[in-house]
Amino acid sequence: GTMMIPGEMLLVPNFILMTRLHWIDTYYALIIPWITSVFGIFLLRQFFMTIPDDLWDAARIDGCGRLRFLWRIMVPLSRPGITSVALFKFIGSWNAFLWVLIMTNNPNMRTVPVGLSFFRSDVGTDYELLMSASFMAMLPILILFFVAQKQFIQGIARSGLK
């Protein structure tokens, strides 16, 4: 249901929550809201559904409990799906703009896109610096994607199979 609601509509309730928790201008407000999402839950659910039930039956026959089955069998098999969700969440938090502007007063706590916005002013835009800074801001995401490319593609491909 919450996938149908735009994130901008949740800004005010989330801001009120962060204010009551005294998390304004803290890293908690920048990290905690990005940990989970409906999309991530859905993607992992689809991924878990591809793992056969016979695996649980075989593990139970071998004397494996639920927690051991989770950590020894499900998590290693689900690594591509977990990697895909983690990559999506990292990119989303890396590119956060509006949420960071609302939650921070300290310029040292702001994200890269907020810093890139300072290259524009009333006088004009220094496009050479803006483009080189944008490229430098994109490098960590590219490196992370190339490192996790195999896991990422497997996670996306497997989540749609039944």
Protein backbone atom coordinates (compact mmCIF):
# COMPACT_ATOMS: atom_id res chain seq x y z
CA GLY A 1 0.00 0.00 0.00
CA THR A 2 2.73 2.53 0.82
CA MET A 3 4.39 2.06 -2.56
CA MET A 4 1.45 4.03 -3.98
CA ILE A 5 2.14 7.04 -1.72
CA PRO A 6 4.77 9.49 -2.99
CA GLY A 7 7.67 10.02 -0.61
CA GLU A 8 6.99 13.75 -0.49
CA MET A 9 3.66 13.10 1.23
CA LEU A 10 5.49 11.36 4.06
CA LEU A 11 7.90 14.25 4.68
CA VAL A 12 5.76 16.07 7.26
CA PRO A 13 4.86 13.00 9.38
CA ASN A 14 8.45 11.77 9.24
CA PHE A 15 9.73 15.23 10.17
CA ILE A 16 7.39 15.33 13.17
CA LEU A 17 8.61 11.88 14.21
CA MET A 18 12.27 12.90 13.89
CA THR A 19 11.58 16.08 15.88
CA ARG A 20 9.96 14.12 18.71
CA LEU A 21 12.90 11.72 18.74
CA HIS A 22 15.31 14.73 18.85
CA TRP A 23 17.05 13.45 15.74
CA ILE A 24 17.14 16.75 13.82
CA ASP A 25 20.70 17.41 12.65
CA THR A 26 21.91 13.91 13.56
CA TYR A 27 23.11 10.99 11.49
CA TYR A 28 20.23 8.90 12.85
CA ALA A 29 17.77 10.98 10.83
CA LEU A 30 19.85 10.51 7.69
CA ILE A 31 20.42 6.76 8.07
CA ILE A 32 17.50 5.09 9.89
CA PRO A 33 14.69 6.09 7.47
CA TRP A 34 16.67 4.62 4.54
CA ILE A 35 17.21 1.18 6.08
CA THR A 36 13.92 -0.40 5.01
CA SER A 37 11.44 0.09 2.21
CA VAL A 38 8.38 -1.59 0.82
CA PHE A 39 10.23 -2.21 -2.43
CA GLY A 40 13.07 -3.96 -0.59
CA ILE A 41 10.65 -6.16 1.32
CA PHE A 42 8.83 -7.05 -1.89
CA LEU A 43 12.06 -7.81 -3.76
CA LEU A 44 13.37 -10.05 -0.98
CA ARG A 45 10.00 -11.78 -0.65
CA GLN A 46 10.04 -12.61 -4.34
CA PHE A 47 13.60 -13.82 -3.99
CA PHE A 48 12.76 -16.04 -0.99
CA MET A 49 9.87 -17.58 -2.91
CA THR A 50 12.33 -18.95 -5.49
CA ILE A 51 14.04 -21.07 -2.84
CA PRO A 52 12.36 -24.51 -2.77
CA ASP A 53 10.54 -25.79 0.34
CA ASP A 54 12.38 -29.08 -0.01
CA LEU A 55 15.48 -27.31 1.25
CA TRP A 56 13.76 -26.60 4.59
CA ASP A 57 12.55 -30.20 4.80
CA ALA A 58 16.04 -31.56 4.14
CA ALA A 59 17.57 -29.21 6.72
CA ARG A 60 14.97 -30.20 9.31
CA ILE A 61 15.71 -33.90 8.72
CA ASP A 62 19.40 -33.14 9.29
CA GLY A 63 18.50 -31.58 12.67
CA CYS A 64 18.76 -27.94 11.64
CA GLY A 65 16.66 -25.49 13.66
CA ARG A 66 14.94 -22.41 12.26
CA LEU A 67 17.59 -19.91 13.30
CA ARG A 68 20.42 -22.09 12.04
CA PHE A 69 18.54 -22.64 8.77
CA LEU A 70 18.16 -18.89 8.41
CA TRP A 71 21.83 -18.05 8.99
CA ARG A 72 23.50 -21.10 7.44
CA ILE A 73 21.28 -21.69 4.41
CA MET A 74 18.88 -18.83 3.63
CA VAL A 75 21.25 -15.88 4.06
CA PRO A 76 24.03 -17.34 1.86
CA LEU A 77 21.50 -18.34 -0.81
CA SER A 78 19.89 -14.90 -0.62
CA ARG A 79 23.12 -12.94 -0.97
CA PRO A 80 22.27 -11.70 -4.51
CA GLY A 81 18.87 -10.41 -3.38
CA ILE A 82 20.28 -8.79 -0.24
CA THR A 83 23.05 -7.19 -2.31
CA SER A 84 20.51 -5.79 -4.77
CA VAL A 85 18.39 -4.25 -2.02
CA ALA A 86 21.47 -2.86 -0.26
CA LEU A 87 22.70 -1.32 -3.51
CA PHE A 88 19.31 0.28 -4.20
CA LYS A 89 19.15 1.65 -0.65
CA PHE A 90 22.71 3.00 -0.79
CA ILE A 91 22.06 4.78 -4.09
CA GLY A 92 18.82 6.20 -2.70
CA SER A 93 20.49 7.55 0.42
CA TRP A 94 23.51 8.80 -1.55
CA ASN A 95 21.22 10.79 -3.85
CA ALA A 96 18.96 12.12 -1.09
CA PHE A 97 18.32 15.81 -1.53
CA LEU A 98 15.04 17.06 -0.07
CA TRP A 99 15.12 14.89 3.07
CA VAL A 100 18.67 16.04 3.86
CA LEU A 101 17.77 19.70 3.37
CA ILE A 102 14.87 19.34 5.78
CA MET A 103 16.68 17.31 8.44
CA THR A 104 20.03 19.11 8.65
CA ASN A 105 21.14 22.58 9.63
CA ASN A 106 24.85 21.80 9.68
CA PRO A 107 26.41 22.03 6.19
CA ASN A 108 28.96 19.33 7.16
CA MET A 109 26.17 16.74 7.44
CA ARG A 110 24.68 17.29 4.01
CA THR A 111 24.94 14.84 1.12
CA VAL A 112 26.72 15.24 -2.20
CA PRO A 113 23.66 16.35 -4.25
CA VAL A 114 23.05 19.16 -1.78
CA GLY A 115 26.67 20.20 -2.18
CA LEU A 116 26.32 20.10 -5.96
CA SER A 117 23.38 22.48 -5.73
CA PHE A 118 25.71 25.16 -4.34
CA PHE A 119 27.40 25.42 -7.76
CA ARG A 120 24.29 27.31 -8.90
CA SER A 121 23.66 30.87 -7.82
CA ASP A 122 21.76 33.97 -8.84
CA VAL A 123 24.79 35.14 -10.78
CA GLY A 124 25.06 31.98 -12.85
CA THR A 125 26.28 28.43 -12.93
CA ASP A 126 29.87 27.32 -13.27
CA TYR A 127 29.18 24.33 -15.51
CA GLU A 128 32.77 23.14 -15.73
CA LEU A 129 33.07 22.77 -11.97
CA LEU A 130 29.54 21.38 -11.68
CA MET A 131 30.17 18.66 -14.27
CA SER A 132 33.53 17.64 -12.81
CA ALA A 133 32.05 17.55 -9.28
CA SER A 134 29.10 15.52 -10.58
CA PHE A 135 31.49 13.02 -12.13
CA MET A 136 33.43 12.74 -8.88
CA ALA A 137 30.16 12.26 -6.98
CA MET A 138 29.19 9.48 -9.36
CA LEU A 139 32.47 7.54 -9.00
CA PRO A 140 31.74 5.81 -5.64
CA ILE A 141 28.41 4.51 -6.97
CA LEU A 142 30.04 3.25 -10.17
CA ILE A 143 32.81 1.52 -8.25
CA LEU A 144 30.29 -0.06 -5.87
CA PHE A 145 28.17 -1.26 -8.78
CA PHE A 146 31.14 -2.81 -10.60
CA VAL A 147 32.23 -4.58 -7.42
CA ALA A 148 28.72 -5.96 -6.77
CA GLN A 149 27.62 -6.31 -10.41
CA LYS A 150 27.40 -10.10 -10.50
CA GLN A 151 25.39 -10.29 -7.26
CA PHE A 152 23.19 -7.37 -8.30
CA ILE A 153 22.22 -8.83 -11.67
CA GLN A 154 21.58 -12.27 -10.16
CA GLY A 155 19.38 -10.72 -7.48
CA ILE A 156 17.26 -8.79 -9.95
CA ALA A 157 16.99 -11.72 -12.36
CA ARG A 158 16.07 -14.30 -9.72
CA SER A 159 13.46 -12.17 -7.95
CA GLY A 160 11.14 -12.37 -10.95
CA LEU A 161 11.34 -16.13 -11.41
CA LYS A 162 8.97 -18.57 -9.79
